[in-house]
PDB file of N, CA and C in Angstrom:
ATOM      1  N   MET A   1       2.619 -70.832 -17.016  1.00  0.00           N
ATOM      2  CA  MET A   1       3.914 -70.645 -16.378  1.00  0.00           C
ATOM      3  C   MET A   1       3.804 -71.052 -14.920  1.00  0.00           C
ATOM      4  N   GLU A   2       4.734 -71.863 -14.481  1.00  0.00           N
ATOM      5  CA  GLU A   2       4.745 -72.273 -13.094  1.00  0.00           C
ATOM      6  C   GLU A   2       5.185 -71.108 -12.216  1.00  0.00           C
ATOM      7  N   GLU A   3       4.734 -71.124 -10.994  1.00  0.00           N
ATOM      8  CA  GLU A   3       5.035 -70.027 -10.079  1.00  0.00           C
ATOM      9  C   GLU A   3       6.528 -69.815  -9.895  1.00  0.00           C
ATOM     10  N   ASN A   4       7.301 -70.888  -9.715  1.00  0.00           N
ATOM     11  CA  ASN A   4       8.728 -70.734  -9.454  1.00  0.00           C
ATOM     12  C   ASN A   4       9.528 -70.432 -10.714  1.00  0.00           C
ATOM     13  N   GLU A   5       8.889 -70.504 -11.886  1.00  0.00           N
ATOM     14  CA  GLU A   5       9.581 -70.211 -13.135  1.00  0.00           C
ATOM     15  C   GLU A   5       9.999 -68.741 -13.220  1.00  0.00           C
ATOM     16  N   SER A   6       9.258 -67.862 -12.576  1.00  0.00           N
ATOM     17  CA  SER A   6       9.557 -66.439 -12.655  1.00  0.00           C
ATOM     18  C   SER A   6      10.631 -66.009 -11.657  1.00  0.00           C
ATOM     19  N   LEU A   7      10.985 -66.877 -10.716  1.00  0.00           N
ATOM     20  CA  LEU A   7      11.996 -66.539  -9.723  1.00  0.00           C
ATOM     21  C   LEU A   7      13.392 -66.746 -10.293  1.00  0.00           C
ATOM     22  N   GLU A   8      14.296 -65.874  -9.900  1.00  0.00           N
ATOM     23  CA  GLU A   8      15.686 -66.014 -10.347  1.00  0.00           C
ATOM     24  C   GLU A   8      16.373 -67.132  -9.575  1.00  0.00           C
ATOM     25  N   ASP A   9      17.124 -67.952 -10.297  1.00  0.00           N
ATOM     26  CA  ASP A   9      17.924 -68.965  -9.626  1.00  0.00           C
ATOM     27  C   ASP A   9      19.385 -68.531  -9.653  1.00  0.00           C
ATOM     28  N   ASP A  10      20.279 -69.387  -9.157  1.00  0.00           N
ATOM     29  CA  ASP A  10      21.701 -69.036  -9.095  1.00  0.00           C
ATOM     30  C   ASP A  10      22.280 -68.730 -10.471  1.00  0.00           C
ATOM     31  N   ALA A  11      21.849 -69.470 -11.497  1.00  0.00           N
ATOM     32  CA  ALA A  11      22.358 -69.233 -12.852  1.00  0.00           C
ATOM     33  C   ALA A  11      21.956 -67.846 -13.349  1.00  0.00           C
ATOM     34  N   ASP A  12      20.711 -67.428 -13.062  1.00  0.00           N
ATOM     35  CA  ASP A  12      20.256 -66.090 -13.448  1.00  0.00           C
ATOM     36  C   ASP A  12      21.093 -65.012 -12.758  1.00  0.00           C
ATOM     37  N   ILE A  13      21.354 -65.224 -11.486  1.00  0.00           N
ATOM     38  CA  ILE A  13      22.136 -64.241 -10.718  1.00  0.00           C
ATOM     39  C   ILE A  13      23.560 -64.152 -11.260  1.00  0.00           C
ATOM     40  N   ARG A  14      24.157 -65.299 -11.583  1.00  0.00           N
ATOM     41  CA  ARG A  14      25.517 -65.290 -12.158  1.00  0.00           C
ATOM     42  C   ARG A  14      25.514 -64.561 -13.506  1.00  0.00           C
ATOM     43  N   ASN A  15      24.475 -64.779 -14.326  1.00  0.00           N
ATOM     44  CA  ASN A  15      24.373 -64.069 -15.605  1.00  0.00           C
ATOM     45  C   ASN A  15      24.237 -62.564 -15.367  1.00  0.00           C
ATOM     46  N   ASP A  16      23.404 -62.180 -14.404  1.00  0.00           N
ATOM     47  CA  ASP A  16      23.223 -60.758 -14.090  1.00  0.00           C
ATOM     48  C   ASP A  16      24.550 -60.115 -13.700  1.00  0.00           C
ATOM     49  N   LEU A  17      25.300 -60.793 -12.836  1.00  0.00           N
ATOM     50  CA  LEU A  17      26.587 -60.250 -12.396  1.00  0.00           C
ATOM     51  C   LEU A  17      27.575 -60.162 -13.555  1.00  0.00           C
ATOM     52  N   TRP A  18      27.587 -61.180 -14.422  1.00  0.00           N
ATOM     53  CA  TRP A  18      28.487 -61.178 -15.576  1.00  0.00           C
ATOM     54  C   TRP A  18      28.154 -60.029 -16.527  1.00  0.00           C
ATOM     55  N   VAL A  19      26.861 -59.815 -16.784  1.00  0.00           N
ATOM     56  CA  VAL A  19      26.455 -58.698 -17.658  1.00  0.00           C
ATOM     57  C   VAL A  19      26.847 -57.375 -17.014  1.00  0.00           C
ATOM     58  N   LYS A  20      26.634 -57.246 -15.716  1.00  0.00           N
ATOM     59  CA  LYS A  20      27.001 -56.015 -15.019  1.00  0.00           C
ATOM     60  C   LYS A  20      28.502 -55.746 -15.129  1.00  0.00           C
ATOM     61  N   GLU A  21      29.312 -56.784 -14.941  1.00  0.00           N
ATOM     62  CA  GLU A  21      30.766 -56.630 -15.002  1.00  0.00           C
ATOM     63  C   GLU A  21      31.266 -56.332 -16.415  1.00  0.00           C
ATOM     64  N   ASN A  22      30.541 -56.784 -17.427  1.00  0.00           N
ATOM     65  CA  ASN A  22      30.962 -56.628 -18.821  1.00  0.00           C
ATOM     66  C   ASN A  22      30.074 -55.671 -19.603  1.00  0.00           C
ATOM     67  N   TYR A  23      29.313 -54.850 -18.883  1.00  0.00           N
ATOM     68  CA  TYR A  23      28.270 -54.018 -19.491  1.00  0.00           C
ATOM     69  C   TYR A  23      28.781 -53.104 -20.615  1.00  0.00           C
ATOM     70  N   ILE A  24      29.847 -52.381 -20.374  1.00  0.00           N
ATOM     71  CA  ILE A  24      30.340 -51.429 -21.382  1.00  0.00           C
ATOM     72  C   ILE A  24      30.753 -52.164 -22.659  1.00  0.00           C
ATOM     73  N   GLY A  25      31.489 -53.244 -22.522  1.00  0.00           N
ATOM     74  CA  GLY A  25      31.894 -54.021 -23.690  1.00  0.00           C
ATOM     75  C   GLY A  25      30.708 -54.611 -24.429  1.00  0.00           C
ATOM     76  N   LEU A  26      29.703 -55.079 -23.686  1.00  0.00           N
ATOM     77  CA  LEU A  26      28.504 -55.635 -24.320  1.00  0.00           C
ATOM     78  C   LEU A  26      27.712 -54.540 -25.043  1.00  0.00           C
ATOM     79  N   CYS A  27      27.657 -53.356 -24.445  1.00  0.00           N
ATOM     80  CA  CYS A  27      26.975 -52.227 -25.106  1.00  0.00           C
ATOM     81  C   CYS A  27      27.692 -51.844 -26.392  1.00  0.00           C
ATOM     82  N   ASP A  28      29.024 -51.899 -26.380  1.00  0.00           N
ATOM     83  CA  ASP A  28      29.801 -51.591 -27.581  1.00  0.00           C
ATOM     84  C   ASP A  28      29.590 -52.649 -28.658  1.00  0.00           C
ATOM     85  N   GLU A  29      29.521 -53.914 -28.260  1.00  0.00           N
ATOM     86  CA  GLU A  29      29.401 -55.011 -29.221  1.00  0.00           C
ATOM     87  C   GLU A  29      27.970 -55.225 -29.709  1.00  0.00           C
ATOM     88  N   PHE A  30      26.986 -54.944 -28.857  1.00  0.00           N
ATOM     89  CA  PHE A  30      25.576 -55.201 -29.192  1.00  0.00           C
ATOM     90  C   PHE A  30      24.702 -53.971 -28.934  1.00  0.00           C
ATOM     91  N   PRO A  31      25.039 -52.801 -29.514  1.00  0.00           N
ATOM     92  CA  PRO A  31      24.252 -51.597 -29.228  1.00  0.00           C
ATOM     93  C   PRO A  31      22.823 -51.717 -29.747  1.00  0.00           C
ATOM     94  N   ASN A  32      21.863 -51.284 -28.935  1.00  0.00           N
ATOM     95  CA  ASN A  32      20.444 -51.309 -29.293  1.00  0.00           C
ATOM     96  C   ASN A  32      19.959 -52.698 -29.674  1.00  0.00           C
ATOM     97  N   GLN A  33      20.509 -53.716 -29.030  1.00  0.00           N
ATOM     98  CA  GLN A  33      20.104 -55.091 -29.319  1.00  0.00           C
ATOM     99  C   GLN A  33      19.736 -55.822 -28.036  1.00  0.00           C
ATOM    100  N   TRP A  34      18.903 -56.833 -28.197  1.00  0.00           N
ATOM    101  CA  TRP A  34      18.624 -57.783 -27.128  1.00  0.00           C
ATOM    102  C   TRP A  34      19.681 -58.864 -27.183  1.00  0.00           C
ATOM    103  N   ILE A  35      20.097 -59.345 -26.023  1.00  0.00           N
ATOM    104  CA  ILE A  35      21.013 -60.481 -25.976  1.00  0.00           C
ATOM    105  C   ILE A  35      20.438 -61.532 -25.031  1.00  0.00           C
ATOM    106  N   ALA A  36      20.753 -62.783 -25.323  1.00  0.00           N
ATOM    107  CA  ALA A  36      20.415 -63.888 -24.432  1.00  0.00           C
ATOM    108  C   ALA A  36      21.721 -64.431 -23.887  1.00  0.00           C
ATOM    109  N   VAL A  37      21.768 -64.613 -22.579  1.00  0.00           N
ATOM    110  CA  VAL A  37      22.990 -65.059 -21.914  1.00  0.00           C
ATOM    111  C   VAL A  37      22.686 -66.326 -21.119  1.00  0.00           C
ATOM    112  N   THR A  38      23.539 -67.323 -21.289  1.00  0.00           N
ATOM    113  CA  THR A  38      23.502 -68.513 -20.452  1.00  0.00           C
ATOM    114  C   THR A  38      24.927 -68.892 -20.116  1.00  0.00           C
ATOM    115  N   ASP A  39      25.136 -69.329 -18.900  1.00  0.00           N
ATOM    116  CA  ASP A  39      26.478 -69.694 -18.437  1.00  0.00           C
ATOM    117  C   ASP A  39      27.500 -68.590 -18.701  1.00  0.00           C
ATOM    118  N   GLN A  40      27.110 -67.353 -18.449  1.00  0.00           N
ATOM    119  CA  GLN A  40      27.953 -66.168 -18.631  1.00  0.00           C
ATOM    120  C   GLN A  40      28.517 -66.073 -20.053  1.00  0.00           C
ATOM    121  N   ASP A  41      27.670 -66.356 -21.046  1.00  0.00           N
ATOM    122  CA  ASP A  41      28.069 -66.291 -22.452  1.00  0.00           C
ATOM    123  C   ASP A  41      26.870 -65.844 -23.275  1.00  0.00           C
ATOM    124  N   VAL A  42      27.105 -64.950 -24.242  1.00  0.00           N
ATOM    125  CA  VAL A  42      26.039 -64.506 -25.135  1.00  0.00           C
ATOM    126  C   VAL A  42      25.780 -65.622 -26.143  1.00  0.00           C
ATOM    127  N   ILE A  43      24.546 -66.128 -26.159  1.00  0.00           N
ATOM    128  CA  ILE A  43      24.214 -67.208 -27.079  1.00  0.00           C
ATOM    129  C   ILE A  43      23.367 -66.736 -28.254  1.00  0.00           C
ATOM    130  N   ALA A  44      22.779 -65.541 -28.148  1.00  0.00           N
ATOM    131  CA  ALA A  44      21.964 -65.002 -29.242  1.00  0.00           C
ATOM    132  C   ALA A  44      21.855 -63.497 -29.076  1.00  0.00           C
ATOM    133  N   SER A  45      21.702 -62.817 -30.201  1.00  0.00           N
ATOM    134  CA  SER A  45      21.502 -61.367 -30.167  1.00  0.00           C
ATOM    135  C   SER A  45      20.638 -60.975 -31.352  1.00  0.00           C
ATOM    136  N   GLY A  46      19.966 -59.844 -31.220  1.00  0.00           N
ATOM    137  CA  GLY A  46      19.130 -59.369 -32.313  1.00  0.00           C
ATOM    138  C   GLY A  46      18.383 -58.112 -31.935  1.00  0.00           C
ATOM    139  N   ILE A  47      17.676 -57.586 -32.920  1.00  0.00           N
ATOM    140  CA  ILE A  47      16.954 -56.323 -32.750  1.00  0.00           C
ATOM    141  C   ILE A  47      15.672 -56.495 -31.935  1.00  0.00           C
ATOM    142  N   THR A  48      14.984 -57.628 -32.120  1.00  0.00           N
ATOM    143  CA  THR A  48      13.731 -57.814 -31.396  1.00  0.00           C
ATOM    144  C   THR A  48      13.877 -58.879 -30.316  1.00  0.00           C
ATOM    145  N   LYS A  49      13.157 -58.666 -29.243  1.00  0.00           N
ATOM    146  CA  LYS A  49      13.174 -59.608 -28.126  1.00  0.00           C
ATOM    147  C   LYS A  49      12.656 -60.977 -28.586  1.00  0.00           C
ATOM    148  N   ARG A  50      11.605 -60.969 -29.374  1.00  0.00           N
ATOM    149  CA  ARG A  50      11.013 -62.217 -29.859  1.00  0.00           C
ATOM    150  C   ARG A  50      12.013 -63.030 -30.678  1.00  0.00           C
ATOM    151  N   GLN A  51      12.754 -62.354 -31.558  1.00  0.00           N
ATOM    152  CA  GLN A  51      13.761 -63.007 -32.400  1.00  0.00           C
ATOM    153  C   GLN A  51      14.845 -63.654 -31.528  1.00  0.00           C
ATOM    154  N   VAL A  52      15.298 -62.946 -30.517  1.00  0.00           N
ATOM    155  CA  VAL A  52      16.350 -63.447 -29.646  1.00  0.00           C
ATOM    156  C   VAL A  52      15.834 -64.608 -28.797  1.00  0.00           C
ATOM    157  N   GLU A  53      14.613 -64.496 -28.302  1.00  0.00           N
ATOM    158  CA  GLU A  53      14.038 -65.596 -27.526  1.00  0.00           C
ATOM    159  C   GLU A  53      13.952 -66.873 -28.356  1.00  0.00           C
ATOM    160  N   LYS A  54      13.544 -66.742 -29.600  1.00  0.00           N
ATOM    161  CA  LYS A  54      13.422 -67.910 -30.482  1.00  0.00           C
ATOM    162  C   LYS A  54      14.787 -68.569 -30.690  1.00  0.00           C
ATOM    163  N   LYS A  55      15.806 -67.757 -31.010  1.00  0.00           N
ATOM    164  CA  LYS A  55      17.162 -68.283 -31.206  1.00  0.00           C
ATOM    165  C   LYS A  55      17.682 -68.928 -29.918  1.00  0.00           C
ATOM    166  N   ALA A  56      17.467 -68.248 -28.794  1.00  0.00           N
ATOM    167  CA  ALA A  56      17.983 -68.727 -27.504  1.00  0.00           C
ATOM    168  C   ALA A  56      17.351 -70.061 -27.115  1.00  0.00           C
ATOM    169  N   LYS A  57      16.047 -70.211 -27.348  1.00  0.00           N
ATOM    170  CA  LYS A  57      15.379 -71.479 -27.029  1.00  0.00           C
ATOM    171  C   LYS A  57      15.976 -72.624 -27.828  1.00  0.00           C
ATOM    172  N   GLU A  58      16.292 -72.381 -29.111  1.00  0.00           N
ATOM    173  CA  GLU A  58      16.891 -73.411 -29.953  1.00  0.00           C
ATOM    174  C   GLU A  58      18.294 -73.774 -29.461  1.00  0.00           C
ATOM    175  N   ILE A  59      19.073 -72.764 -29.110  1.00  0.00           N
ATOM    176  CA  ILE A  59      20.462 -72.990 -28.702  1.00  0.00           C
ATOM    177  C   ILE A  59      20.547 -73.550 -27.282  1.00  0.00           C
ATOM    178  N   ALA A  60      19.803 -72.965 -26.358  1.00  0.00           N
ATOM    179  CA  ALA A  60      19.896 -73.348 -24.952  1.00  0.00           C
ATOM    180  C   ALA A  60      19.210 -74.683 -24.662  1.00  0.00           C
ATOM    181  N   GLN A  61      18.220 -75.020 -25.463  1.00  0.00           N
ATOM    182  CA  GLN A  61      17.413 -76.232 -25.269  1.00  0.00           C
ATOM    183  C   GLN A  61      16.824 -76.244 -23.870  1.00  0.00           C
ATOM    184  N   ASP A  62      17.287 -77.105 -22.979  1.00  0.00           N
ATOM    185  CA  ASP A  62      16.680 -77.185 -21.652  1.00  0.00           C
ATOM    186  C   ASP A  62      17.378 -76.315 -20.606  1.00  0.00           C
ATOM    187  N   ARG A  63      18.445 -75.606 -21.006  1.00  0.00           N
ATOM    188  CA  ARG A  63      19.137 -74.711 -20.068  1.00  0.00           C
ATOM    189  C   ARG A  63      18.387 -73.389 -19.991  1.00  0.00           C
ATOM    190  N   ARG A  64      18.446 -72.761 -18.838  1.00  0.00           N
ATOM    191  CA  ARG A  64      17.823 -71.436 -18.681  1.00  0.00           C
ATOM    192  C   ARG A  64      18.745 -70.376 -19.252  1.00  0.00           C
ATOM    193  N   TYR A  65      18.146 -69.312 -19.717  1.00  0.00           N
ATOM    194  CA  TYR A  65      18.905 -68.169 -20.225  1.00  0.00           C
ATOM    195  C   TYR A  65      18.258 -66.898 -19.711  1.00  0.00           C
ATOM    196  N   SER A  66      19.027 -65.815 -19.755  1.00  0.00           N
ATOM    197  CA  SER A  66      18.548 -64.506 -19.318  1.00  0.00           C
ATOM    198  C   SER A  66      18.583 -63.562 -20.502  1.00  0.00           C
ATOM    199  N   LEU A  67      17.592 -62.663 -20.576  1.00  0.00           N
ATOM    200  CA  LEU A  67      17.517 -61.680 -21.660  1.00  0.00           C
ATOM    201  C   LEU A  67      17.838 -60.287 -21.132  1.00  0.00           C
ATOM    202  N   TYR A  68      18.572 -59.533 -21.941  1.00  0.00           N
ATOM    203  CA  TYR A  68      18.955 -58.163 -21.583  1.00  0.00           C
ATOM    204  C   TYR A  68      18.880 -57.284 -22.828  1.00  0.00           C
ATOM    205  N   PHE A  69      18.516 -56.015 -22.639  1.00  0.00           N
ATOM    206  CA  PHE A  69      18.593 -55.047 -23.730  1.00  0.00           C
ATOM    207  C   PHE A  69      19.824 -54.193 -23.497  1.00  0.00           C
ATOM    208  N   MET A  70      20.679 -54.109 -24.511  1.00  0.00           N
ATOM    209  CA  MET A  70      21.925 -53.363 -24.384  1.00  0.00           C
ATOM    210  C   MET A  70      21.760 -51.970 -25.007  1.00  0.00           C
ATOM    211  N   GLU A  71      21.914 -50.982 -24.198  1.00  0.00           N
ATOM    212  CA  GLU A  71      21.854 -49.585 -24.659  1.00  0.00           C
ATOM    213  C   GLU A  71      23.097 -49.277 -25.487  1.00  0.00           C
ATOM    214  N   PRO A  72      23.016 -48.278 -26.350  1.00  0.00           N
ATOM    215  CA  PRO A  72      24.257 -47.881 -27.048  1.00  0.00           C
ATOM    216  C   PRO A  72      25.221 -47.282 -26.039  1.00  0.00           C
ATOM    217  N   SER A  73      26.490 -47.509 -26.249  1.00  0.00           N
ATOM    218  CA  SER A  73      27.504 -47.004 -25.328  1.00  0.00           C
ATOM    219  C   SER A  73      27.542 -45.486 -25.359  1.00  0.00           C
ATOM    220  N   ALA A  74      27.689 -44.905 -24.184  1.00  0.00           N
ATOM    221  CA  ALA A  74      27.793 -43.444 -24.082  1.00  0.00           C
ATOM    222  C   ALA A  74      29.232 -42.978 -24.261  1.00  0.00           C
ATOM    223  N   LEU A  75      30.143 -43.939 -24.326  1.00  0.00           N
ATOM    224  CA  LEU A  75      31.547 -43.582 -24.475  1.00  0.00           C
ATOM    225  C   LEU A  75      31.885 -43.314 -25.947  1.00  0.00           C
ATOM    226  N   PRO A  76      32.720 -42.324 -26.215  1.00  0.00           N
ATOM    227  CA  PRO A  76      33.094 -42.053 -27.600  1.00  0.00           C
ATOM    228  C   PRO A  76      33.928 -43.225 -28.154  1.00  0.00           C
ATOM    229  N   PRO A  77      33.827 -43.465 -29.478  1.00  0.00           N
ATOM    230  CA  PRO A  77      34.576 -44.585 -30.073  1.00  0.00           C
ATOM    231  C   PRO A  77      36.086 -44.410 -29.967  1.00  0.00           C
TER     232      PRO A  77
END
C-alpha cells in the first residue's frame, strides 16, 4: 500500500459527509451491514466487510470508495 493511499481525499470526505447526513435512513435500510459508498451513492452492501469490498472493487473499478458499518436504527419502526 502506498503511503498516500491511506489518506482521505476530497471524494472520501464528501462520502463521509453524505453518510453523516443520511445516517438514520442508511441504518434503517442497511441495519447491521457494511456498505460501500462512492460518489455519495451506495454501490454495495452485505454482512461481511470482505464481501462488500469484493463487490465494491468490481463495481467501482478504478474509482475510490468508502466503507461504513451501519448500526441498527435506535428509532422505533
